Amino acid sequence: MKTIALLIGALALASTSASVDLSKVKRIEELDEFWAQLDPHLQMHRGTKMAPDSRIVNGEEAQPGQFPYQALVLSFFENGNSGLCGGTLLTQNFVMTAAHCVVIGSLATHGTVILGAHNRQIVEDTQQRIDFGTINAHPNYSASLLRNDIATIQLATPAVFNAVVQPIDLPAVSDDRTFAGLTGIISGFGRTSDETGSPASDVVMFTSNPILTNADCQSAWNAILIQAQNICLSGEGGRSVCNGDSGGPLAVRENDRSLQVGIASFVHSSGCASGFPAGFVRVSHYLTWIGENSDVVLRN
């Protein structure tokens, strides 16, 4: 998730990628195999009933190109299952996502990354669809508790940077901030619907809320699930990521640039819009691992 030339100067699309019918690719959290591997305690907190209602909840549509680092990650597994997640572009060669997006029992056999998309159901001129190369899931990833829920994917061919495809910044190694109190911005592909059940939209959505201290997050969840490797976003106003946004970014704005501080990992079984904080992987906790499993140049 092999190339054919479309036009001179145009981007190459992976032939397997171009043929993918996104309407038939399930979100990772819709797969029975995903739920079967979770610890019963965490199953209680995620709730399978949320899966079909996958979206950034209580958000708004992004402008095309507003989040040039946003990736769509399509993973395919040995048993014929396929899963859809979010991700972020780190460099021309690597994308970062959640480990649970590429590991269900075993590592995904192949996949596609889509960059530069605004509407994921259309093969837009801005899109770059590139096959997976190497998949690097954290070796200590726990599928049962979603610990170390981080992975990088090497692209089979380099992405081409342009106005709508750009990498996101990562915190410096020396940056010891918790980011609590800052406004966190979440983005992803998913559906929105009104009360009468209007057809879903498949454009990039986004919203924002304050980032919480881990102590405040633990008071809403518990100390078993929320640890130093996590960072949480307030669920104020029912604004949150939801299941289909797994692997996508939690970012803050700094010096007119986006800094990724989290990777979407889990939400509460009460519902994405319930007001409970959403749990993310804390990027700064994994900077050394990210540097060793990508070609990103870490800042000191």
C-alpha atoms as a PDB file:
ATOM      1  CA  MET A   1       0.000   0.000   0.000  1.00  0.00           C
ATOM      2  CA  LYS A   2       5.016  -2.097 -10.498  1.00  0.00           C
ATOM      3  CA  THR A   3       4.328   1.478 -11.157  1.00  0.00           C
ATOM      4  CA  ILE A   4       2.767   2.960 -14.324  1.00  0.00           C
ATOM      5  CA  ALA A   5       3.628   6.324 -15.791  1.00  0.00           C
ATOM      6  CA  LEU A   6       0.579   8.540 -16.242  1.00  0.00           C
ATOM      7  CA  LEU A   7       1.940  11.756 -17.677  1.00  0.00           C
ATOM      8  CA  ILE A   8       5.382  13.243 -17.977  1.00  0.00           C
ATOM      9  CA  GLY A   9       5.962  15.106 -14.757  1.00  0.00           C
ATOM     10  CA  ALA A  10       3.032  13.383 -13.121  1.00  0.00           C
ATOM     11  CA  LEU A  11       3.459  11.117 -10.134  1.00  0.00           C
ATOM     12  CA  ALA A  12       3.692   7.370 -10.525  1.00  0.00           C
ATOM     13  CA  LEU A  13       0.837   5.414  -8.970  1.00  0.00           C
ATOM     14  CA  ALA A  14       1.324   1.922  -7.655  1.00  0.00           C
ATOM     15  CA  SER A  15      -0.636  -0.393  -9.941  1.00  0.00           C
ATOM     16  CA  THR A  16      -2.017  -2.324  -6.978  1.00  0.00           C
ATOM     17  CA  SER A  17      -2.925   0.969  -5.350  1.00  0.00           C
ATOM     18  CA  ALA A  18      -4.829   2.379  -8.292  1.00  0.00           C
ATOM     19  CA  SER A  19      -7.109  -0.653  -8.335  1.00  0.00           C
ATOM     20  CA  VAL A  20      -8.014  -0.486  -4.623  1.00  0.00           C
ATOM     21  CA  ASP A  21     -11.728   0.122  -4.044  1.00  0.00           C
ATOM     22  CA  LEU A  22     -11.667   2.126  -0.819  1.00  0.00           C
ATOM     23  CA  SER A  23     -15.362   1.519  -0.224  1.00  0.00           C
ATOM     24  CA  LYS A  24     -14.500  -2.154   0.352  1.00  0.00           C
ATOM     25  CA  VAL A  25     -11.580  -1.576   2.718  1.00  0.00           C
ATOM     26  CA  LYS A  26     -12.726  -1.783   6.321  1.00  0.00           C
ATOM     27  CA  ARG A  27     -11.368   0.375   9.078  1.00  0.00           C
ATOM     28  CA  ILE A  28      -8.961  -1.596  11.251  1.00  0.00           C
ATOM     29  CA  GLU A  29     -11.330  -1.468  14.216  1.00  0.00           C
ATOM     30  CA  GLU A  30     -14.112  -3.132  12.228  1.00  0.00           C
ATOM     31  CA  LEU A  31     -12.141  -6.380  12.010  1.00  0.00           C
ATOM     32  CA  ASP A  32     -13.068  -9.142  14.460  1.00  0.00           C
ATOM     33  CA  GLU A  33      -9.409 -10.187  14.592  1.00  0.00           C
ATOM     34  CA  PHE A  34      -8.465  -6.771  15.966  1.00  0.00           C
ATOM     35  CA  TRP A  35     -10.864  -7.068  18.897  1.00  0.00           C
ATOM     36  CA  ALA A  36      -9.985 -10.695  19.615  1.00  0.00           C
ATOM     37  CA  GLN A  37      -6.389  -9.778  20.473  1.00  0.00           C
ATOM     38  CA  LEU A  38      -7.270  -7.018  22.955  1.00  0.00           C
ATOM     39  CA  ASP A  39      -7.107  -7.535  26.696  1.00  0.00           C
ATOM     40  CA  PRO A  40     -10.673  -7.862  28.103  1.00  0.00           C
ATOM     41  CA  HIS A  41     -10.127  -4.735  30.199  1.00  0.00           C
ATOM     42  CA  LEU A  42      -9.261  -2.691  27.124  1.00  0.00           C
ATOM     43  CA  GLN A  43     -12.089  -4.249  25.119  1.00  0.00           C
ATOM     44  CA  MET A  44     -14.421  -2.770  27.697  1.00  0.00           C
ATOM     45  CA  HIS A  45     -12.954   0.652  27.087  1.00  0.00           C
ATOM     46  CA  ARG A  46     -13.064   0.560  23.287  1.00  0.00           C
ATOM     47  CA  GLY A  47     -16.364  -1.077  22.524  1.00  0.00           C
ATOM     48  CA  THR A  48     -16.916  -2.725  19.149  1.00  0.00           C
ATOM     49  CA  LYS A  49     -20.169  -0.842  18.737  1.00  0.00           C
ATOM     50  CA  MET A  50     -18.211   2.301  17.879  1.00  0.00           C
ATOM     51  CA  ALA A  51     -16.525   0.914  14.805  1.00  0.00           C
ATOM     52  CA  PRO A  52     -19.094   1.660  12.087  1.00  0.00           C
ATOM     53  CA  ASP A  53     -19.362   5.293  13.221  1.00  0.00           C
ATOM     54  CA  SER A  54     -15.784   6.155  12.270  1.00  0.00           C
ATOM     55  CA  ARG A  55     -14.957   9.826  11.971  1.00  0.00           C
ATOM     56  CA  ILE A  56     -13.405  12.914  13.517  1.00  0.00           C
ATOM     57  CA  VAL A  57     -16.432  13.785  15.632  1.00  0.00           C
ATOM     58  CA  ASN A  58     -17.760  17.338  15.912  1.00  0.00           C
ATOM     59  CA  GLY A  59     -15.092  18.606  13.567  1.00  0.00           C
ATOM     60  CA  GLU A  60     -15.120  20.451  10.280  1.00  0.00           C
ATOM     61  CA  GLU A  61     -13.923  19.865   6.759  1.00  0.00           C
ATOM     62  CA  ALA A  62     -10.332  20.827   6.082  1.00  0.00           C
ATOM     63  CA  GLN A  63      -9.304  22.953   3.150  1.00  0.00           C
ATOM     64  CA  PRO A  64      -7.572  20.941   0.414  1.00  0.00           C
ATOM     65  CA  GLY A  65      -3.886  20.789   1.348  1.00  0.00           C
ATOM     66  CA  GLN A  66      -4.454  22.143   4.866  1.00  0.00           C
ATOM     67  CA  PHE A  67      -2.778  19.061   6.358  1.00  0.00           C
ATOM     68  CA  PRO A  68      -0.090  18.142   3.814  1.00  0.00           C
ATOM     69  CA  TYR A  69       1.449  15.614   6.207  1.00  0.00           C
ATOM     70  CA  GLN A  70      -1.771  13.569   6.452  1.00  0.00           C
ATOM     71  CA  ALA A  71      -1.516  10.036   5.085  1.00  0.00           C
ATOM     72  CA  LEU A  72      -4.086   7.339   4.474  1.00  0.00           C
ATOM     73  CA  VAL A  73      -2.705   3.876   5.293  1.00  0.00           C
ATOM     74  CA  LEU A  74      -4.289   0.785   3.726  1.00  0.00           C
ATOM     75  CA  SER A  75      -2.985  -2.529   5.098  1.00  0.00           C
ATOM     76  CA  PHE A  76      -3.643  -6.010   3.710  1.00  0.00           C
ATOM     77  CA  PHE A  77      -3.263  -9.226   5.707  1.00  0.00           C
ATOM     78  CA  GLU A  78      -2.758 -12.935   5.000  1.00  0.00           C
ATOM     79  CA  ASN A  79      -6.335 -13.874   5.848  1.00  0.00           C
ATOM     80  CA  GLY A  80      -7.754 -11.562   3.200  1.00  0.00           C
ATOM     81  CA  ASN A  81      -8.619  -8.785   5.642  1.00  0.00           C
ATOM     82  CA  SER A  82      -7.775  -5.207   4.847  1.00  0.00           C
ATOM     83  CA  GLY A  83      -7.743  -2.190   7.126  1.00  0.00           C
ATOM     84  CA  LEU A  84      -7.822   1.587   6.755  1.00  0.00           C
ATOM     85  CA  CYS A  85      -5.972   3.960   9.103  1.00  0.00           C
ATOM     86  CA  GLY A  86      -4.386   7.369   9.250  1.00  0.00           C
ATOM     87  CA  GLY A  87      -0.686   8.206   9.302  1.00  0.00           C
ATOM     88  CA  THR A  88       1.806  11.023   8.882  1.00  0.00           C
ATOM     89  CA  LEU A  89       4.574  11.675   6.382  1.00  0.00           C
ATOM     90  CA  LEU A  90       7.973  11.887   8.106  1.00  0.00           C
ATOM     91  CA  THR A  91      10.281  12.097   5.089  1.00  0.00           C
ATOM     92  CA  GLN A  92      10.150  11.296   1.379  1.00  0.00           C
ATOM     93  CA  ASN A  93      10.710   7.660   2.328  1.00  0.00           C
ATOM     94  CA  PHE A  94       8.813   7.024   5.573  1.00  0.00           C
ATOM     95  CA  VAL A  95       5.323   7.282   7.011  1.00  0.00           C
ATOM     96  CA  MET A  96       4.451   6.811  10.705  1.00  0.00           C
ATOM     97  CA  THR A  97       1.267   5.180  12.005  1.00  0.00           C
ATOM     98  CA  ALA A  98      -0.027   3.020  14.875  1.00  0.00           C
ATOM     99  CA  ALA A  99       1.283  -0.540  15.203  1.00  0.00           C
ATOM    100  CA  HIS A 100      -2.269  -1.864  15.424  1.00  0.00           C
ATOM    101  CA  CYS A 101      -2.812  -0.586  11.894  1.00  0.00           C
ATOM    102  CA  VAL A 102      -0.193  -2.963  10.458  1.00  0.00           C
ATOM    103  CA  VAL A 103      -0.194  -5.876  12.929  1.00  0.00           C
ATOM    104  CA  ILE A 104      -3.208  -8.110  13.468  1.00  0.00           C
ATOM    105  CA  GLY A 105      -1.846 -11.442  14.628  1.00  0.00           C
ATOM    106  CA  SER A 106       0.951 -11.038  12.110  1.00  0.00           C
ATOM    107  CA  LEU A 107       2.457  -8.220  10.095  1.00  0.00           C
ATOM    108  CA  ALA A 108       0.540  -6.947   7.078  1.00  0.00           C
ATOM    109  CA  THR A 109       1.678  -8.641   3.867  1.00  0.00           C
ATOM    110  CA  HIS A 110       1.491  -5.455   1.809  1.00  0.00           C
ATOM    111  CA  GLY A 111      -0.271  -2.118   1.675  1.00  0.00           C
ATOM    112  CA  THR A 112      -0.700   1.297   0.135  1.00  0.00           C
ATOM    113  CA  VAL A 113      -0.072   4.808   1.435  1.00  0.00           C
ATOM    114  CA  ILE A 114      -2.095   7.618  -0.100  1.00  0.00           C
ATOM    115  CA  LEU A 115      -0.678  11.126   0.197  1.00  0.00           C
ATOM    116  CA  GLY A 116      -2.049  14.461  -0.980  1.00  0.00           C
ATOM    117  CA  ALA A 117      -5.678  13.350  -0.792  1.00  0.00           C
ATOM    118  CA  HIS A 118      -8.633  15.511   0.143  1.00  0.00           C
ATOM    119  CA  ASN A 119     -11.418  13.109  -0.857  1.00  0.00           C
ATOM    120  CA  ARG A 120     -10.215   9.546  -0.398  1.00  0.00           C
ATOM    121  CA  GLN A 121     -12.900   8.058  -2.633  1.00  0.00           C
ATOM    122  CA  ILE A 122     -11.610   9.894  -5.696  1.00  0.00           C
ATOM    123  CA  VAL A 123      -8.285   9.386  -7.447  1.00  0.00           C
ATOM    124  CA  GLU A 124      -7.460  13.096  -7.381  1.00  0.00           C
ATOM    125  CA  ASP A 125      -4.660  14.631  -9.432  1.00  0.00           C
ATOM    126  CA  THR A 126      -2.959  15.662  -6.184  1.00  0.00           C
ATOM    127  CA  GLN A 127      -2.754  12.117  -4.835  1.00  0.00           C
ATOM    128  CA  GLN A 128       0.360   9.974  -4.631  1.00  0.00           C
ATOM    129  CA  ARG A 129      -0.466   6.285  -4.105  1.00  0.00           C
ATOM    130  CA  ILE A 130       2.637   4.388  -3.118  1.00  0.00           C
ATOM    131  CA  ASP A 131       3.126   0.739  -2.149  1.00  0.00           C
ATOM    132  CA  PHE A 132       4.524  -0.276   1.232  1.00  0.00           C
ATOM    133  CA  GLY A 133       8.168  -1.204   1.277  1.00  0.00           C
ATOM    134  CA  THR A 134       9.393  -2.355   4.691  1.00  0.00           C
ATOM    135  CA  ILE A 135       7.037  -2.309   7.695  1.00  0.00           C
ATOM    136  CA  ASN A 136       8.657  -1.604  11.080  1.00  0.00           C
ATOM    137  CA  ALA A 137       6.352  -2.262  14.033  1.00  0.00           C
ATOM    138  CA  HIS A 138       7.737  -1.638  17.519  1.00  0.00           C
ATOM    139  CA  PRO A 139       9.202  -4.965  18.733  1.00  0.00           C
ATOM    140  CA  ASN A 140       7.521  -4.567  22.129  1.00  0.00           C
ATOM    141  CA  TYR A 141       4.106  -3.714  20.740  1.00  0.00           C
ATOM    142  CA  SER A 142       1.399  -5.259  22.911  1.00  0.00           C
ATOM    143  CA  ALA A 143      -1.703  -6.012  20.891  1.00  0.00           C
ATOM    144  CA  SER A 144      -3.680  -6.741  24.044  1.00  0.00           C
ATOM    145  CA  LEU A 145      -3.072  -3.397  25.783  1.00  0.00           C
ATOM    146  CA  LEU A 146      -2.022  -1.239  22.818  1.00  0.00           C
ATOM    147  CA  ARG A 147       1.335  -0.520  24.435  1.00  0.00           C
ATOM    148  CA  ASN A 148       4.167   0.710  22.184  1.00  0.00           C
ATOM    149  CA  ASP A 149       1.492   1.224  19.534  1.00  0.00           C
ATOM    150  CA  ILE A 150       3.800   2.736  16.921  1.00  0.00           C
ATOM    151  CA  ALA A 151       5.100   1.716  13.494  1.00  0.00           C
ATOM    152  CA  THR A 152       6.922   3.199  10.542  1.00  0.00           C
ATOM    153  CA  ILE A 153       6.457   2.214   6.917  1.00  0.00           C
ATOM    154  CA  GLN A 154       9.184   2.626   4.327  1.00  0.00           C
ATOM    155  CA  LEU A 155       7.692   3.605   0.987  1.00  0.00           C
ATOM    156  CA  ALA A 156       8.531   1.489  -2.053  1.00  0.00           C
ATOM    157  CA  THR A 157       9.221   4.683  -4.006  1.00  0.00           C
ATOM    158  CA  PRO A 158       9.936   8.138  -2.548  1.00  0.00           C
ATOM    159  CA  ALA A 159       7.129  10.632  -2.144  1.00  0.00           C
ATOM    160  CA  VAL A 160       7.426  13.881  -4.052  1.00  0.00           C
ATOM    161  CA  PHE A 161       7.128  16.993  -1.900  1.00  0.00           C
ATOM    162  CA  ASN A 162       4.852  19.733  -3.207  1.00  0.00           C
ATOM    163  CA  ALA A 163       2.241  22.170  -1.901  1.00  0.00           C
ATOM    164  CA  VAL A 164      -0.063  19.385  -0.645  1.00  0.00           C
ATOM    165  CA  VAL A 165       2.516  16.739   0.326  1.00  0.00           C
ATOM    166  CA  GLN A 166       4.933  17.783   3.067  1.00  0.00           C
ATOM    167  CA  PRO A 167       6.499  16.099   6.120  1.00  0.00           C
ATOM    168  CA  ILE A 168       5.473  16.932   9.675  1.00  0.00           C
ATOM    169  CA  ASP A 169       7.962  18.102  12.303  1.00  0.00           C
ATOM    170  CA  LEU A 170       8.810  16.016  15.373  1.00  0.00           C
ATOM    171  CA  PRO A 171       9.838  17.323  18.812  1.00  0.00           C
ATOM    172  CA  ALA A 172      13.534  17.828  19.436  1.00  0.00           C
ATOM    173  CA  VAL A 173      15.270  15.152  21.507  1.00  0.00           C
ATOM    174  CA  SER A 174      15.947  17.744  24.210  1.00  0.00           C
ATOM    175  CA  ASP A 175      12.329  18.923  24.298  1.00  0.00           C
ATOM    176  CA  ASP A 176      11.018  17.696  27.657  1.00  0.00           C
ATOM    177  CA  ARG A 177       7.645  19.449  27.510  1.00  0.00           C
ATOM    178  CA  THR A 178       4.484  17.456  28.236  1.00  0.00           C
ATOM    179  CA  PHE A 179       2.529  19.799  25.905  1.00  0.00           C
ATOM    180  CA  ALA A 180      -0.295  19.855  28.474  1.00  0.00           C
ATOM    181  CA  GLY A 181      -2.437  22.966  28.109  1.00  0.00           C
ATOM    182  CA  LEU A 182      -1.548  23.503  24.458  1.00  0.00           C
ATOM    183  CA  THR A 183      -4.193  23.209  21.761  1.00  0.00           C
ATOM    184  CA  GLY A 184      -3.957  19.828  20.052  1.00  0.00           C
ATOM    185  CA  ILE A 185      -5.140  19.474  16.465  1.00  0.00           C
ATOM    186  CA  ILE A 186      -6.400  16.139  15.155  1.00  0.00           C
ATOM    187  CA  SER A 187      -7.151  15.291  11.544  1.00  0.00           C
ATOM    188  CA  GLY A 188      -8.212  12.294   9.538  1.00  0.00           C
ATOM    189  CA  PHE A 189     -10.448  10.726   6.932  1.00  0.00           C
ATOM    190  CA  GLY A 190     -13.893   9.614   7.982  1.00  0.00           C
ATOM    191  CA  ARG A 191     -17.572  10.198   7.869  1.00  0.00           C
ATOM    192  CA  THR A 192     -19.862  12.934   9.160  1.00  0.00           C
ATOM    193  CA  SER A 193     -23.643  12.768   9.115  1.00  0.00           C
ATOM    194  CA  ASP A 194     -26.528  14.895  10.282  1.00  0.00           C
ATOM    195  CA  GLU A 195     -29.409  13.716  12.445  1.00  0.00           C
ATOM    196  CA  THR A 196     -31.360  12.447   9.447  1.00  0.00           C
ATOM    197  CA  GLY A 197     -28.527  10.145   8.407  1.00  0.00           C
ATOM    198  CA  SER A 198     -27.174  11.976   5.389  1.00  0.00           C
ATOM    199  CA  PRO A 199     -24.603  10.152   3.231  1.00  0.00           C
ATOM    200  CA  ALA A 200     -21.102  10.092   4.643  1.00  0.00           C
ATOM    201  CA  SER A 201     -18.376  12.444   3.530  1.00  0.00           C
ATOM    202  CA  ASP A 202     -14.921  11.062   2.837  1.00  0.00           C
ATOM    203  CA  VAL A 203     -12.928  14.287   2.954  1.00  0.00           C
ATOM    204  CA  VAL A 204     -10.259  15.204   5.500  1.00  0.00           C
ATOM    205  CA  MET A 205     -11.821  16.395   8.751  1.00  0.00           C
ATOM    206  CA  PHE A 206     -10.210  18.131  11.728  1.00  0.00           C
ATOM    207  CA  THR A 207     -10.900  19.550  15.145  1.00  0.00           C
ATOM    208  CA  SER A 208      -9.000  20.704  18.232  1.00  0.00           C
ATOM    209  CA  ASN A 209      -9.061  20.564  22.036  1.00  0.00           C
ATOM    210  CA  PRO A 210      -6.645  21.124  24.928  1.00  0.00           C
ATOM    211  CA  ILE A 211      -3.976  18.509  25.606  1.00  0.00           C
ATOM    212  CA  LEU A 212      -4.313  17.097  29.127  1.00  0.00           C
ATOM    213  CA  THR A 213      -1.785  16.242  31.781  1.00  0.00           C
ATOM    214  CA  ASN A 214      -1.411  12.488  32.172  1.00  0.00           C
ATOM    215  CA  ALA A 215      -2.690  12.835  35.753  1.00  0.00           C
ATOM    216  CA  ASP A 216      -5.941  14.373  34.509  1.00  0.00           C
ATOM    217  CA  CYS A 217      -6.214  11.708  31.840  1.00  0.00           C
ATOM    218  CA  GLN A 218      -5.662   8.939  34.387  1.00  0.00           C
ATOM    219  CA  SER A 219      -8.474  10.326  36.509  1.00  0.00           C
ATOM    220  CA  ALA A 220     -10.820   9.844  33.565  1.00  0.00           C
ATOM    221  CA  TRP A 221      -9.397   6.463  32.561  1.00  0.00           C
ATOM    222  CA  ASN A 222      -6.978   4.699  34.937  1.00  0.00           C
ATOM    223  CA  ALA A 223      -3.260   4.289  35.585  1.00  0.00           C
ATOM    224  CA  ILE A 224      -3.184   0.876  33.905  1.00  0.00           C
ATOM    225  CA  LEU A 225      -4.050   2.240  30.487  1.00  0.00           C
ATOM    226  CA  ILE A 226      -2.549   5.736  30.653  1.00  0.00           C
ATOM    227  CA  GLN A 227       1.223   5.651  31.131  1.00  0.00           C
ATOM    228  CA  ALA A 228       4.242   7.820  30.340  1.00  0.00           C
ATOM    229  CA  GLN A 229       4.195   6.532  26.753  1.00  0.00           C
ATOM    230  CA  ASN A 230       0.730   8.092  26.268  1.00  0.00           C
ATOM    231  CA  ILE A 231      -0.557  11.601  25.709  1.00  0.00           C
ATOM    232  CA  CYS A 232      -4.239  12.520  25.916  1.00  0.00           C
ATOM    233  CA  LEU A 233      -6.515  15.035  24.260  1.00  0.00           C
ATOM    234  CA  SER A 234      -9.515  16.461  26.081  1.00  0.00           C
ATOM    235  CA  GLY A 235     -12.899  15.279  24.813  1.00  0.00           C
ATOM    236  CA  GLU A 236     -14.446  18.678  25.563  1.00  0.00           C
ATOM    237  CA  GLY A 237     -17.456  19.469  23.398  1.00  0.00           C
ATOM    238  CA  GLY A 238     -17.573  15.887  22.112  1.00  0.00           C
ATOM    239  CA  ARG A 239     -14.632  16.684  19.826  1.00  0.00           C
ATOM    240  CA  SER A 240     -12.417  13.653  19.290  1.00  0.00           C
ATOM    241  CA  VAL A 241     -10.803  11.160  17.002  1.00  0.00           C
ATOM    242  CA  CYS A 242     -12.827   8.045  16.329  1.00  0.00           C
ATOM    243  CA  ASN A 243     -11.955   4.531  15.248  1.00  0.00           C
ATOM    244  CA  GLY A 244     -11.119   5.136  11.588  1.00  0.00           C
ATOM    245  CA  ASP A 245      -8.644   7.859  12.578  1.00  0.00           C
ATOM    246  CA  SER A 246      -6.222   5.409  14.245  1.00  0.00           C
ATOM    247  CA  GLY A 247      -2.582   6.082  13.438  1.00  0.00           C
ATOM    248  CA  GLY A 248      -3.259   9.708  12.575  1.00  0.00           C
ATOM    249  CA  PRO A 249      -1.666  12.801  14.081  1.00  0.00           C
ATOM    250  CA  LEU A 250      -2.127  14.845  17.207  1.00  0.00           C
ATOM    251  CA  ALA A 251      -0.282  18.075  16.398  1.00  0.00           C
ATOM    252  CA  VAL A 252       0.384  21.493  17.862  1.00  0.00           C
ATOM    253  CA  ARG A 253       1.236  24.650  15.960  1.00  0.00           C
ATOM    254  CA  GLU A 254       4.657  26.128  16.670  1.00  0.00           C
ATOM    255  CA  ASN A 255       6.453  28.836  14.678  1.00  0.00           C
ATOM    256  CA  ASP A 256       3.830  28.520  11.934  1.00  0.00           C
ATOM    257  CA  ARG A 257       4.586  24.824  11.530  1.00  0.00           C
ATOM    258  CA  SER A 258       2.906  21.631  12.705  1.00  0.00           C
ATOM    259  CA  LEU A 259       4.664  19.570  15.378  1.00  0.00           C
ATOM    260  CA  GLN A 260       3.428  16.011  15.893  1.00  0.00           C
ATOM    261  CA  VAL A 261       3.133  15.094  19.556  1.00  0.00           C
ATOM    262  CA  GLY A 262       0.826  12.074  19.363  1.00  0.00           C
ATOM    263  CA  ILE A 263      -0.418   9.130  17.275  1.00  0.00           C
ATOM    264  CA  ALA A 264      -4.123   8.239  17.581  1.00  0.00           C
ATOM    265  CA  SER A 265      -4.425   4.964  19.485  1.00  0.00           C
ATOM    266  CA  PHE A 266      -7.670   4.493  21.475  1.00  0.00           C
ATOM    267  CA  VAL A 267     -10.958   6.036  22.575  1.00  0.00           C
ATOM    268  CA  HIS A 268     -13.518   5.260  25.283  1.00  0.00           C
ATOM    269  CA  SER A 269     -16.343   2.752  24.881  1.00  0.00           C
ATOM    270  CA  SER A 270     -18.838   5.417  25.949  1.00  0.00           C
ATOM    271  CA  GLY A 271     -18.457   6.837  22.465  1.00  0.00           C
ATOM    272  CA  CYS A 272     -16.136   9.080  20.531  1.00  0.00           C
ATOM    273  CA  ALA A 273     -18.311  12.113  21.284  1.00  0.00           C
ATOM    274  CA  SER A 274     -18.850  11.189  24.946  1.00  0.00           C
ATOM    275  CA  GLY A 275     -16.426  13.771  26.304  1.00  0.00           C
ATOM    276  CA  PHE A 276     -13.884  11.216  27.532  1.00  0.00           C
ATOM    277  CA  PRO A 277     -10.239  11.955  26.602  1.00  0.00           C
ATOM    278  CA  ALA A 278      -8.759  10.118  23.634  1.00  0.00           C
ATOM    279  CA  GLY A 279      -5.481   8.238  24.070  1.00  0.00           C
ATOM    280  CA  PHE A 280      -2.477   8.764  21.814  1.00  0.00           C
ATOM    281  CA  VAL A 281       1.073   7.440  21.600  1.00  0.00           C
ATOM    282  CA  ARG A 282       3.438  10.121  22.954  1.00  0.00           C
ATOM    283  CA  VAL A 283       5.840  10.783  20.068  1.00  0.00           C
ATOM    284  CA  SER A 284       8.597  12.278  22.232  1.00  0.00           C
ATOM    285  CA  HIS A 285       8.738   8.999  24.199  1.00  0.00           C
ATOM    286  CA  TYR A 286       9.780   7.169  21.012  1.00  0.00           C
ATOM    287  CA  LEU A 287      12.122   9.575  19.242  1.00  0.00           C
ATOM    288  CA  THR A 288      15.144   7.267  19.446  1.00  0.00           C
ATOM    289  CA  TRP A 289      13.119   4.372  18.054  1.00  0.00           C
ATOM    290  CA  ILE A 290      11.695   6.547  15.276  1.00  0.00           C
ATOM    291  CA  GLY A 291      15.204   7.669  14.334  1.00  0.00           C
ATOM    292  CA  GLU A 292      16.397   4.061  14.197  1.00  0.00           C
ATOM    293  CA  ASN A 293      13.442   2.942  12.095  1.00  0.00           C
ATOM    294  CA  SER A 294      13.272   5.734   9.549  1.00  0.00           C
ATOM    295  CA  ASP A 295      15.609   8.185   7.870  1.00  0.00           C
ATOM    296  CA  VAL A 296      14.239  11.200   9.740  1.00  0.00           C
ATOM    297  CA  VAL A 297      16.938  13.498  11.080  1.00  0.00           C
ATOM    298  CA  LEU A 298      16.172  14.116  14.738  1.00  0.00           C
ATOM    299  CA  ARG A 299      16.744  17.583  16.140  1.00  0.00           C
ATOM    300  CA  ASN A 300      18.821  17.920  19.299  1.00  0.00           C
END
